[in-house]
């Protein structure tokens, strides 16, 4: 995603977070956002038929803070890798299944060839701007139809490691090559 698109997406998400907080303050029936439990304090994820059952409770279960790159081009570049817990790094390259919502980012001939998997729709368009460990950049094995506001489950290979665009902006921590993308009922 280019920096301009990222700016407008972040602005829209920030406005949604403010409105969501105001709604929660005015209406006690609106659920409060809970603080995540540290991923280091969780039991290992269950494996079903060889696929780790990962969820955003684990993936977002630690703080990740973005930092500016040094202005001196000779200085070492910041990678953020040191902020990713070892338990999360241990899932790199493993087969996994994760549920969430699709936000298409790349289309070819009307089919989604890349998307962001988000924990909830509030993270997508109307809520708080997600932290780098609150979403996954997904590339399906082949183009798929958009699944809009439906809960989906992706199955495939999970990758952990910070990625940067050609301008040096961090664009993600988690990547996923999806062998299968299906709608689930929840």
N, C-alpha and C. Protein backbone atom coordinates (compact mmCIF):
# COMPACT_ATOMS: atom_id res chain seq x y z
N UNK A 1 0.86 -1.16 0.00
CA UNK A 1 0.00 0.00 0.00
C UNK A 1 0.91 1.23 0.00
N UNK A 2 0.63 2.19 -0.85
CA UNK A 2 1.50 3.37 -0.91
C UNK A 2 1.24 4.29 0.28
N UNK A 3 2.17 5.21 0.57
CA UNK A 3 2.04 6.07 1.75
C UNK A 3 0.78 6.93 1.77
N UNK A 4 0.33 7.40 0.62
CA UNK A 4 -0.87 8.24 0.58
C UNK A 4 -2.10 7.41 0.95
N UNK A 5 -2.22 6.22 0.38
CA UNK A 5 -3.34 5.34 0.72
C UNK A 5 -3.32 4.97 2.19
N UNK A 6 -2.11 4.68 2.70
CA UNK A 6 -1.97 4.32 4.10
C UNK A 6 -2.43 5.48 4.99
N UNK A 7 -2.10 6.74 4.60
CA UNK A 7 -2.50 7.91 5.38
C UNK A 7 -4.02 8.01 5.45
N UNK A 8 -4.70 7.90 4.30
CA UNK A 8 -6.16 8.03 4.29
C UNK A 8 -6.83 6.88 5.03
N UNK A 9 -6.29 5.67 4.91
CA UNK A 9 -6.84 4.54 5.63
C UNK A 9 -6.67 4.76 7.14
N UNK A 10 -5.51 5.22 7.57
CA UNK A 10 -5.27 5.48 8.99
C UNK A 10 -6.18 6.59 9.51
N UNK A 11 -6.38 7.63 8.71
CA UNK A 11 -7.25 8.74 9.13
C UNK A 11 -8.68 8.24 9.31
N UNK A 12 -9.16 7.44 8.38
CA UNK A 12 -10.52 6.91 8.49
C UNK A 12 -10.65 6.01 9.72
N UNK A 13 -9.63 5.20 9.97
CA UNK A 13 -9.67 4.31 11.13
C UNK A 13 -9.64 5.09 12.43
N UNK A 14 -8.85 6.15 12.49
CA UNK A 14 -8.75 6.97 13.70
C UNK A 14 -10.07 7.64 14.03
N UNK A 15 -10.77 8.16 13.03
CA UNK A 15 -12.07 8.79 13.25
C UNK A 15 -13.06 7.76 13.79
N UNK A 16 -13.01 6.57 13.24
CA UNK A 16 -13.90 5.51 13.71
C UNK A 16 -13.63 5.16 15.16
N UNK A 17 -12.37 5.15 15.56
CA UNK A 17 -12.03 4.84 16.95
C UNK A 17 -12.60 5.88 17.90
N UNK A 18 -12.49 7.14 17.51
CA UNK A 18 -13.03 8.21 18.35
C UNK A 18 -14.54 8.06 18.50
N UNK A 19 -15.24 7.81 17.41
CA UNK A 19 -16.68 7.63 17.47
C UNK A 19 -17.06 6.41 18.29
N UNK A 20 -16.29 5.33 18.16
CA UNK A 20 -16.54 4.11 18.92
C UNK A 20 -16.37 4.35 20.41
N UNK A 21 -15.32 5.08 20.79
CA UNK A 21 -15.08 5.39 22.21
C UNK A 21 -16.21 6.25 22.76
N UNK A 22 -16.66 7.21 21.97
CA UNK A 22 -17.75 8.07 22.42
C UNK A 22 -19.03 7.26 22.60
N UNK A 23 -19.30 6.33 21.69
CA UNK A 23 -20.50 5.50 21.80
C UNK A 23 -20.43 4.63 23.05
N UNK A 24 -19.27 4.06 23.34
CA UNK A 24 -19.11 3.22 24.52
C UNK A 24 -19.30 4.03 25.79
N UNK A 25 -18.83 5.27 25.80
CA UNK A 25 -18.96 6.12 26.98
C UNK A 25 -20.43 6.50 27.22
N UNK A 26 -21.21 6.62 26.15
CA UNK A 26 -22.60 7.05 26.27
C UNK A 26 -23.57 5.88 26.45
N UNK A 27 -23.18 4.70 26.06
CA UNK A 27 -24.09 3.56 26.09
C UNK A 27 -23.40 2.37 26.75
N UNK A 28 -23.80 2.00 27.96
CA UNK A 28 -23.15 0.90 28.66
C UNK A 28 -23.31 -0.46 27.97
N UNK A 29 -24.23 -0.58 27.02
CA UNK A 29 -24.39 -1.85 26.32
C UNK A 29 -23.33 -2.05 25.24
N UNK A 30 -22.60 -0.97 24.88
CA UNK A 30 -21.51 -1.09 23.91
C UNK A 30 -20.33 -1.72 24.64
N UNK A 31 -19.84 -2.88 24.14
CA UNK A 31 -18.75 -3.55 24.87
C UNK A 31 -17.48 -2.70 24.87
N UNK A 32 -16.80 -2.69 26.01
CA UNK A 32 -15.53 -1.98 26.13
C UNK A 32 -14.44 -2.82 25.48
N UNK A 33 -13.42 -2.15 24.98
CA UNK A 33 -12.28 -2.84 24.39
C UNK A 33 -11.43 -3.39 25.54
N UNK A 34 -11.17 -4.68 25.50
CA UNK A 34 -10.40 -5.31 26.55
C UNK A 34 -8.92 -5.27 26.22
N UNK A 35 -8.11 -5.15 27.26
CA UNK A 35 -6.66 -5.21 27.08
C UNK A 35 -6.28 -6.65 26.75
N UNK A 36 -5.37 -6.84 25.80
CA UNK A 36 -4.99 -8.20 25.43
C UNK A 36 -4.16 -8.88 26.53
N UNK A 37 -4.29 -10.20 26.60
CA UNK A 37 -3.45 -11.00 27.47
C UNK A 37 -2.15 -11.21 26.71
N UNK A 38 -1.03 -11.15 27.39
CA UNK A 38 0.26 -11.31 26.74
C UNK A 38 0.36 -12.69 26.09
N UNK A 39 0.85 -12.73 24.87
CA UNK A 39 1.01 -13.98 24.15
C UNK A 39 1.96 -14.91 24.90
N UNK A 40 2.90 -14.35 25.64
CA UNK A 40 3.85 -15.15 26.41
C UNK A 40 3.18 -15.89 27.56
N UNK A 41 2.01 -15.41 28.00
CA UNK A 41 1.28 -16.03 29.11
C UNK A 41 0.24 -17.04 28.63
N UNK A 42 0.10 -17.22 27.34
CA UNK A 42 -0.91 -18.14 26.79
C UNK A 42 -0.32 -19.53 26.60
N UNK A 43 -1.17 -20.56 26.68
CA UNK A 43 -0.68 -21.91 26.35
C UNK A 43 -0.38 -21.98 24.85
N UNK A 44 0.42 -22.95 24.43
CA UNK A 44 0.72 -23.07 23.00
C UNK A 44 -0.57 -23.25 22.19
N UNK A 45 -0.56 -22.78 20.94
CA UNK A 45 -1.77 -22.96 20.12
C UNK A 45 -1.99 -24.43 19.79
N UNK A 46 -3.26 -24.78 19.69
CA UNK A 46 -3.65 -26.14 19.33
C UNK A 46 -3.34 -26.36 17.85
N UNK A 47 -2.97 -27.58 17.49
CA UNK A 47 -2.79 -27.95 16.09
C UNK A 47 -3.91 -28.91 15.71
N UNK A 48 -4.60 -28.60 14.62
CA UNK A 48 -5.67 -29.46 14.11
C UNK A 48 -5.30 -29.87 12.69
N UNK A 49 -5.15 -31.17 12.48
CA UNK A 49 -4.77 -31.72 11.17
C UNK A 49 -3.52 -31.05 10.63
N UNK A 50 -2.56 -30.76 11.52
CA UNK A 50 -1.28 -30.19 11.11
C UNK A 50 -1.27 -28.67 10.98
N UNK A 51 -2.39 -28.00 11.29
CA UNK A 51 -2.47 -26.55 11.17
C UNK A 51 -2.59 -25.92 12.57
N UNK A 52 -1.66 -25.02 12.90
CA UNK A 52 -1.76 -24.28 14.15
C UNK A 52 -3.03 -23.43 14.11
N UNK A 53 -3.77 -23.42 15.19
CA UNK A 53 -4.99 -22.62 15.28
C UNK A 53 -4.61 -21.29 15.93
N UNK A 54 -4.24 -20.34 15.10
CA UNK A 54 -3.83 -19.02 15.59
C UNK A 54 -5.01 -18.07 15.55
N UNK A 55 -5.00 -17.13 16.44
CA UNK A 55 -6.04 -16.10 16.47
C UNK A 55 -5.41 -14.76 16.77
N UNK A 56 -6.18 -13.72 16.60
CA UNK A 56 -5.67 -12.39 16.85
C UNK A 56 -5.40 -12.14 18.34
N UNK A 57 -6.00 -12.95 19.22
CA UNK A 57 -5.65 -12.82 20.63
C UNK A 57 -4.16 -13.09 20.80
N UNK A 58 -3.61 -14.04 20.09
CA UNK A 58 -2.18 -14.36 20.15
C UNK A 58 -1.35 -13.37 19.33
N UNK A 59 -1.79 -13.13 18.10
CA UNK A 59 -1.00 -12.29 17.20
C UNK A 59 -0.89 -10.86 17.69
N UNK A 60 -1.92 -10.37 18.37
CA UNK A 60 -1.92 -9.00 18.89
C UNK A 60 -1.62 -8.98 20.38
N UNK A 61 -1.17 -10.09 20.94
CA UNK A 61 -0.96 -10.22 22.37
C UNK A 61 0.36 -9.66 22.88
N UNK A 62 0.86 -8.62 22.24
CA UNK A 62 2.06 -7.92 22.70
C UNK A 62 2.06 -6.53 22.07
N UNK A 63 2.79 -5.64 22.68
CA UNK A 63 2.88 -4.27 22.15
C UNK A 63 3.93 -4.22 21.05
N UNK A 64 3.60 -3.52 19.98
CA UNK A 64 4.55 -3.27 18.91
C UNK A 64 4.50 -1.79 18.60
N UNK A 65 5.63 -1.11 18.75
CA UNK A 65 5.69 0.34 18.58
C UNK A 65 6.55 0.67 17.37
N UNK A 66 5.98 1.43 16.44
CA UNK A 66 6.74 1.88 15.27
C UNK A 66 7.73 2.96 15.67
N UNK A 67 8.88 2.96 15.03
CA UNK A 67 9.89 3.98 15.27
C UNK A 67 10.31 4.58 13.93
N UNK A 68 10.77 5.81 13.98
CA UNK A 68 11.29 6.45 12.77
C UNK A 68 12.65 5.86 12.42
N UNK A 69 12.92 5.81 11.14
CA UNK A 69 14.24 5.39 10.69
C UNK A 69 15.24 6.52 10.95
N UNK A 70 16.51 6.18 11.18
CA UNK A 70 17.50 7.24 11.38
C UNK A 70 17.65 8.09 10.11
N UNK A 71 17.90 9.36 10.30
CA UNK A 71 18.08 10.25 9.14
C UNK A 71 19.43 10.06 8.49
N UNK A 72 20.41 9.59 9.24
CA UNK A 72 21.74 9.31 8.70
C UNK A 72 21.68 8.00 7.93
N UNK A 73 21.88 8.06 6.63
CA UNK A 73 21.76 6.86 5.79
C UNK A 73 22.81 5.79 6.11
N UNK A 74 23.88 6.18 6.79
CA UNK A 74 24.93 5.23 7.16
C UNK A 74 24.62 4.51 8.48
N UNK A 75 23.67 5.05 9.22
CA UNK A 75 23.29 4.44 10.51
C UNK A 75 22.49 3.17 10.25
N UNK A 76 22.57 2.22 11.17
CA UNK A 76 21.78 0.99 10.99
C UNK A 76 20.28 1.30 10.94
N UNK A 77 19.58 0.62 10.07
CA UNK A 77 18.13 0.78 9.92
C UNK A 77 17.43 0.04 11.04
N UNK A 78 16.32 0.60 11.51
CA UNK A 78 15.49 -0.04 12.52
C UNK A 78 14.63 -1.08 11.84
N UNK A 79 14.56 -2.29 12.42
CA UNK A 79 13.76 -3.35 11.81
C UNK A 79 12.52 -3.71 12.62
N UNK A 80 12.54 -3.50 13.92
CA UNK A 80 11.42 -3.87 14.76
C UNK A 80 11.40 -5.33 15.15
N UNK A 81 12.28 -6.14 14.59
CA UNK A 81 12.29 -7.58 14.87
C UNK A 81 12.45 -7.88 16.36
N UNK A 82 13.15 -7.01 17.08
CA UNK A 82 13.40 -7.26 18.50
C UNK A 82 12.13 -7.17 19.34
N UNK A 83 11.08 -6.58 18.79
CA UNK A 83 9.83 -6.46 19.53
C UNK A 83 8.92 -7.69 19.39
N UNK A 84 9.22 -8.54 18.45
CA UNK A 84 8.39 -9.72 18.21
C UNK A 84 8.83 -10.82 19.18
N UNK A 85 7.93 -11.29 20.04
CA UNK A 85 8.29 -12.34 21.02
C UNK A 85 8.77 -13.62 20.33
N UNK A 86 9.68 -14.32 20.99
CA UNK A 86 10.22 -15.56 20.44
C UNK A 86 9.13 -16.58 20.16
N UNK A 87 8.10 -16.64 21.02
CA UNK A 87 7.02 -17.61 20.80
C UNK A 87 6.32 -17.32 19.47
N UNK A 88 6.15 -16.06 19.12
CA UNK A 88 5.52 -15.69 17.85
C UNK A 88 6.46 -16.02 16.69
N UNK A 89 7.75 -15.73 16.86
CA UNK A 89 8.73 -16.06 15.81
C UNK A 89 8.78 -17.56 15.55
N UNK A 90 8.47 -18.36 16.57
CA UNK A 90 8.52 -19.83 16.40
C UNK A 90 7.45 -20.33 15.44
N UNK A 91 6.44 -19.52 15.13
CA UNK A 91 5.38 -19.92 14.21
C UNK A 91 5.74 -19.64 12.75
N UNK A 92 6.87 -18.97 12.52
CA UNK A 92 7.28 -18.62 11.16
C UNK A 92 7.46 -19.88 10.31
N UNK A 93 6.84 -19.87 9.14
CA UNK A 93 6.97 -20.97 8.20
C UNK A 93 6.06 -22.16 8.49
N UNK A 94 5.25 -22.06 9.54
CA UNK A 94 4.36 -23.15 9.93
C UNK A 94 3.01 -23.05 9.20
N UNK A 95 2.37 -24.20 9.06
CA UNK A 95 1.00 -24.24 8.54
C UNK A 95 0.07 -23.74 9.64
N UNK A 96 -0.88 -22.90 9.27
CA UNK A 96 -1.77 -22.30 10.27
C UNK A 96 -3.13 -22.02 9.66
N UNK A 97 -4.10 -21.83 10.56
CA UNK A 97 -5.45 -21.37 10.20
C UNK A 97 -5.78 -20.20 11.09
N UNK A 98 -6.38 -19.18 10.49
CA UNK A 98 -6.72 -17.96 11.21
C UNK A 98 -8.04 -17.43 10.67
N UNK A 99 -8.89 -16.92 11.57
CA UNK A 99 -10.17 -16.33 11.17
C UNK A 99 -10.10 -14.81 11.27
N UNK A 100 -10.86 -14.15 10.41
CA UNK A 100 -10.93 -12.69 10.45
C UNK A 100 -11.79 -12.16 9.32
N UNK A 101 -11.57 -10.89 9.00
CA UNK A 101 -12.32 -10.21 7.95
C UNK A 101 -11.38 -9.74 6.86
N UNK A 102 -11.85 -9.80 5.63
CA UNK A 102 -11.05 -9.45 4.46
C UNK A 102 -11.18 -7.97 4.12
N UNK A 103 -10.03 -7.35 3.89
CA UNK A 103 -9.96 -6.00 3.33
C UNK A 103 -9.10 -6.11 2.07
N UNK A 104 -9.73 -6.20 0.88
CA UNK A 104 -8.95 -6.36 -0.36
C UNK A 104 -8.01 -5.18 -0.59
N UNK A 105 -6.78 -5.48 -1.00
CA UNK A 105 -5.80 -4.43 -1.30
C UNK A 105 -5.30 -4.51 -2.74
N UNK A 106 -5.50 -5.64 -3.39
CA UNK A 106 -5.07 -5.77 -4.78
C UNK A 106 -6.07 -6.65 -5.52
N UNK A 107 -6.54 -6.14 -6.65
CA UNK A 107 -7.49 -6.87 -7.50
C UNK A 107 -6.90 -7.03 -8.89
N UNK A 108 -7.17 -8.17 -9.50
CA UNK A 108 -6.80 -8.41 -10.89
C UNK A 108 -7.97 -9.11 -11.56
N UNK A 109 -8.48 -8.49 -12.60
CA UNK A 109 -9.61 -9.04 -13.35
C UNK A 109 -10.80 -9.34 -12.42
N UNK A 110 -11.04 -8.46 -11.47
CA UNK A 110 -12.18 -8.59 -10.57
C UNK A 110 -12.00 -9.58 -9.42
N UNK A 111 -10.82 -10.19 -9.33
CA UNK A 111 -10.56 -11.14 -8.25
C UNK A 111 -9.53 -10.58 -7.28
N UNK A 112 -9.67 -10.91 -6.02
CA UNK A 112 -8.75 -10.45 -4.99
C UNK A 112 -7.48 -11.29 -5.06
N UNK A 113 -6.33 -10.62 -5.26
CA UNK A 113 -5.05 -11.33 -5.31
C UNK A 113 -4.19 -10.99 -4.09
N UNK A 114 -4.64 -10.06 -3.29
CA UNK A 114 -3.97 -9.74 -2.02
C UNK A 114 -5.00 -9.04 -1.14
N UNK A 115 -4.97 -9.36 0.16
CA UNK A 115 -5.86 -8.68 1.09
C UNK A 115 -5.25 -8.64 2.47
N UNK A 116 -5.83 -7.82 3.31
CA UNK A 116 -5.43 -7.75 4.70
C UNK A 116 -6.50 -8.48 5.50
N UNK A 117 -6.07 -9.39 6.36
CA UNK A 117 -6.98 -10.08 7.27
C UNK A 117 -6.96 -9.31 8.58
N UNK A 118 -8.15 -8.88 9.01
CA UNK A 118 -8.29 -8.07 10.21
C UNK A 118 -9.11 -8.84 11.25
N UNK A 119 -8.88 -8.49 12.51
CA UNK A 119 -9.60 -9.11 13.63
C UNK A 119 -11.09 -8.84 13.56
N UNK A 120 -11.45 -7.60 13.24
CA UNK A 120 -12.86 -7.21 13.21
C UNK A 120 -13.06 -6.10 12.20
N UNK A 121 -14.31 -5.81 11.91
CA UNK A 121 -14.61 -4.76 10.94
C UNK A 121 -14.26 -3.38 11.46
N UNK A 122 -14.26 -3.19 12.78
CA UNK A 122 -13.90 -1.89 13.33
C UNK A 122 -12.45 -1.55 13.00
N UNK A 123 -11.58 -2.55 12.95
CA UNK A 123 -10.19 -2.32 12.59
C UNK A 123 -10.07 -1.94 11.13
N UNK A 124 -11.01 -2.41 10.35
CA UNK A 124 -10.95 -2.21 8.91
C UNK A 124 -11.22 -0.77 8.51
N UNK A 125 -12.33 -0.24 8.88
CA UNK A 125 -12.72 1.04 8.31
C UNK A 125 -13.22 2.05 9.32
N UNK A 126 -13.73 1.63 10.46
CA UNK A 126 -14.40 2.56 11.34
C UNK A 126 -13.86 2.58 12.76
N UNK A 127 -12.81 1.83 13.03
CA UNK A 127 -12.30 1.74 14.40
C UNK A 127 -10.92 2.33 14.53
N UNK A 128 -10.23 1.89 15.57
CA UNK A 128 -8.88 2.36 15.85
C UNK A 128 -7.93 1.88 14.76
N UNK A 129 -6.95 2.70 14.48
CA UNK A 129 -5.93 2.31 13.51
C UNK A 129 -5.19 1.09 14.07
N UNK A 130 -5.13 0.01 13.32
CA UNK A 130 -4.52 -1.21 13.87
C UNK A 130 -3.01 -1.09 14.00
N UNK A 131 -2.48 -1.73 15.03
CA UNK A 131 -1.05 -1.84 15.20
C UNK A 131 -0.52 -2.83 14.17
N UNK A 132 0.76 -2.83 13.95
CA UNK A 132 1.35 -3.73 12.95
C UNK A 132 1.09 -5.20 13.24
N UNK A 133 0.88 -5.55 14.51
CA UNK A 133 0.63 -6.95 14.84
C UNK A 133 -0.86 -7.28 14.96
N UNK A 134 -1.70 -6.39 14.41
CA UNK A 134 -3.15 -6.60 14.46
C UNK A 134 -3.73 -6.97 13.10
N UNK A 135 -2.90 -7.20 12.11
CA UNK A 135 -3.39 -7.59 10.78
C UNK A 135 -2.36 -8.48 10.09
N UNK A 136 -2.82 -9.16 9.05
CA UNK A 136 -1.98 -10.06 8.27
C UNK A 136 -2.14 -9.72 6.80
N UNK A 137 -1.04 -9.61 6.08
CA UNK A 137 -1.08 -9.43 4.63
C UNK A 137 -1.18 -10.83 4.02
N UNK A 138 -2.25 -11.08 3.27
CA UNK A 138 -2.54 -12.41 2.74
C UNK A 138 -2.47 -12.41 1.22
N UNK A 139 -1.79 -13.41 0.69
CA UNK A 139 -1.77 -13.63 -0.75
C UNK A 139 -2.35 -15.02 -1.01
N UNK A 140 -3.57 -15.04 -1.58
CA UNK A 140 -4.15 -16.36 -1.90
C UNK A 140 -3.38 -17.01 -3.04
N UNK A 141 -3.41 -18.34 -3.09
CA UNK A 141 -2.71 -19.08 -4.13
C UNK A 141 -3.19 -18.66 -5.52
N UNK A 142 -4.47 -18.29 -5.63
CA UNK A 142 -5.01 -17.77 -6.89
C UNK A 142 -6.07 -16.74 -6.53
N UNK A 143 -6.45 -15.91 -7.50
CA UNK A 143 -7.45 -14.88 -7.24
C UNK A 143 -8.76 -15.46 -6.74
N UNK A 144 -9.38 -14.75 -5.80
CA UNK A 144 -10.64 -15.21 -5.21
C UNK A 144 -11.64 -14.06 -5.21
N UNK A 145 -12.90 -14.41 -5.07
CA UNK A 145 -13.95 -13.39 -4.97
C UNK A 145 -13.84 -12.69 -3.61
N UNK A 146 -14.19 -11.42 -3.58
CA UNK A 146 -14.19 -10.67 -2.32
C UNK A 146 -15.27 -11.24 -1.41
N UNK A 147 -14.97 -11.32 -0.12
CA UNK A 147 -15.93 -11.87 0.84
C UNK A 147 -16.41 -10.80 1.81
N UNK A 148 -16.23 -9.55 1.45
CA UNK A 148 -16.80 -8.42 2.16
C UNK A 148 -16.86 -8.50 3.66
N UNK A 149 -18.05 -8.46 4.21
CA UNK A 149 -18.25 -8.37 5.65
C UNK A 149 -18.44 -9.74 6.30
N UNK A 150 -18.00 -10.79 5.66
CA UNK A 150 -18.17 -12.14 6.18
C UNK A 150 -16.92 -12.57 6.95
N UNK A 151 -17.12 -13.40 7.97
CA UNK A 151 -15.99 -14.00 8.67
C UNK A 151 -15.42 -15.07 7.76
N UNK A 152 -14.10 -15.03 7.59
CA UNK A 152 -13.44 -16.03 6.75
C UNK A 152 -12.36 -16.74 7.56
N UNK A 153 -11.99 -17.92 7.08
CA UNK A 153 -10.87 -18.65 7.66
C UNK A 153 -9.87 -18.89 6.55
N UNK A 154 -8.61 -18.55 6.83
CA UNK A 154 -7.56 -18.81 5.86
C UNK A 154 -6.71 -19.96 6.37
N UNK A 155 -6.28 -20.80 5.45
CA UNK A 155 -5.41 -21.93 5.77
C UNK A 155 -4.22 -21.86 4.83
N UNK A 156 -3.02 -22.02 5.39
CA UNK A 156 -1.83 -21.97 4.55
C UNK A 156 -0.58 -21.80 5.38
N UNK A 157 0.40 -21.11 4.81
CA UNK A 157 1.70 -20.93 5.46
C UNK A 157 1.81 -19.53 6.05
N UNK A 158 2.13 -19.48 7.33
CA UNK A 158 2.23 -18.24 8.09
C UNK A 158 3.70 -17.80 8.13
N UNK A 159 3.94 -16.54 7.88
CA UNK A 159 5.29 -15.97 7.92
C UNK A 159 5.32 -14.86 8.95
N UNK A 160 6.39 -14.81 9.72
CA UNK A 160 6.58 -13.78 10.73
C UNK A 160 7.88 -13.05 10.41
N UNK A 161 7.80 -11.73 10.31
CA UNK A 161 8.98 -10.91 10.06
C UNK A 161 8.56 -9.58 9.47
N UNK A 162 9.22 -8.53 9.90
CA UNK A 162 8.84 -7.20 9.42
C UNK A 162 9.15 -7.06 7.94
N UNK A 163 8.26 -6.37 7.23
CA UNK A 163 8.46 -6.09 5.81
C UNK A 163 8.30 -4.59 5.58
N UNK A 164 9.05 -4.09 4.62
CA UNK A 164 9.07 -2.67 4.31
C UNK A 164 8.81 -2.47 2.83
N UNK A 165 8.19 -1.34 2.48
CA UNK A 165 7.98 -1.03 1.07
C UNK A 165 9.23 -0.37 0.50
N UNK A 166 9.19 -0.01 -0.77
CA UNK A 166 10.36 0.56 -1.44
C UNK A 166 10.74 1.94 -0.90
N UNK A 167 9.84 2.58 -0.15
CA UNK A 167 10.15 3.88 0.44
C UNK A 167 10.72 3.75 1.86
N UNK A 168 10.80 2.53 2.37
CA UNK A 168 11.31 2.30 3.71
C UNK A 168 10.27 2.31 4.80
N UNK A 169 8.97 2.37 4.43
CA UNK A 169 7.90 2.33 5.42
C UNK A 169 7.56 0.87 5.75
N UNK A 170 7.41 0.59 7.05
CA UNK A 170 7.00 -0.75 7.43
C UNK A 170 5.57 -0.98 6.98
N UNK A 171 5.33 -2.13 6.35
CA UNK A 171 3.99 -2.44 5.85
C UNK A 171 3.38 -3.66 6.53
N UNK A 172 4.14 -4.32 7.37
CA UNK A 172 3.56 -5.46 8.07
C UNK A 172 4.58 -6.28 8.83
N UNK A 173 4.04 -7.14 9.66
CA UNK A 173 4.84 -8.10 10.43
C UNK A 173 4.49 -9.51 9.99
N UNK A 174 3.20 -9.71 9.70
CA UNK A 174 2.70 -11.04 9.38
C UNK A 174 2.32 -11.12 7.91
N UNK A 175 2.75 -12.20 7.27
CA UNK A 175 2.36 -12.49 5.89
C UNK A 175 1.82 -13.91 5.86
N UNK A 176 0.99 -14.18 4.89
CA UNK A 176 0.34 -15.48 4.82
C UNK A 176 0.13 -15.85 3.37
N UNK A 177 0.55 -17.04 3.00
CA UNK A 177 0.23 -17.57 1.69
C UNK A 177 -0.92 -18.54 1.90
N UNK A 178 -2.10 -18.14 1.41
CA UNK A 178 -3.31 -18.91 1.67
C UNK A 178 -3.54 -19.97 0.61
N UNK A 179 -3.59 -21.21 1.06
CA UNK A 179 -3.96 -22.31 0.18
C UNK A 179 -5.47 -22.37 0.02
N UNK A 180 -6.15 -21.95 1.09
CA UNK A 180 -7.60 -22.06 1.12
C UNK A 180 -8.17 -20.85 1.87
N UNK A 181 -9.24 -20.27 1.34
CA UNK A 181 -9.97 -19.17 1.98
C UNK A 181 -11.44 -19.54 1.91
N UNK A 182 -12.08 -19.67 3.09
CA UNK A 182 -13.49 -20.06 3.12
C UNK A 182 -14.27 -19.18 4.08
N UNK A 183 -15.53 -19.01 3.77
CA UNK A 183 -16.44 -18.30 4.67
C UNK A 183 -16.82 -19.24 5.80
N UNK A 184 -16.88 -18.70 7.01
CA UNK A 184 -17.29 -19.51 8.16
C UNK A 184 -18.49 -18.85 8.82
N UNK A 185 -19.30 -19.64 9.49
CA UNK A 185 -20.44 -19.07 10.18
C UNK A 185 -20.11 -18.99 11.66
N UNK A 186 -20.26 -17.79 12.21
CA UNK A 186 -19.99 -17.58 13.63
C UNK A 186 -20.97 -16.60 14.18
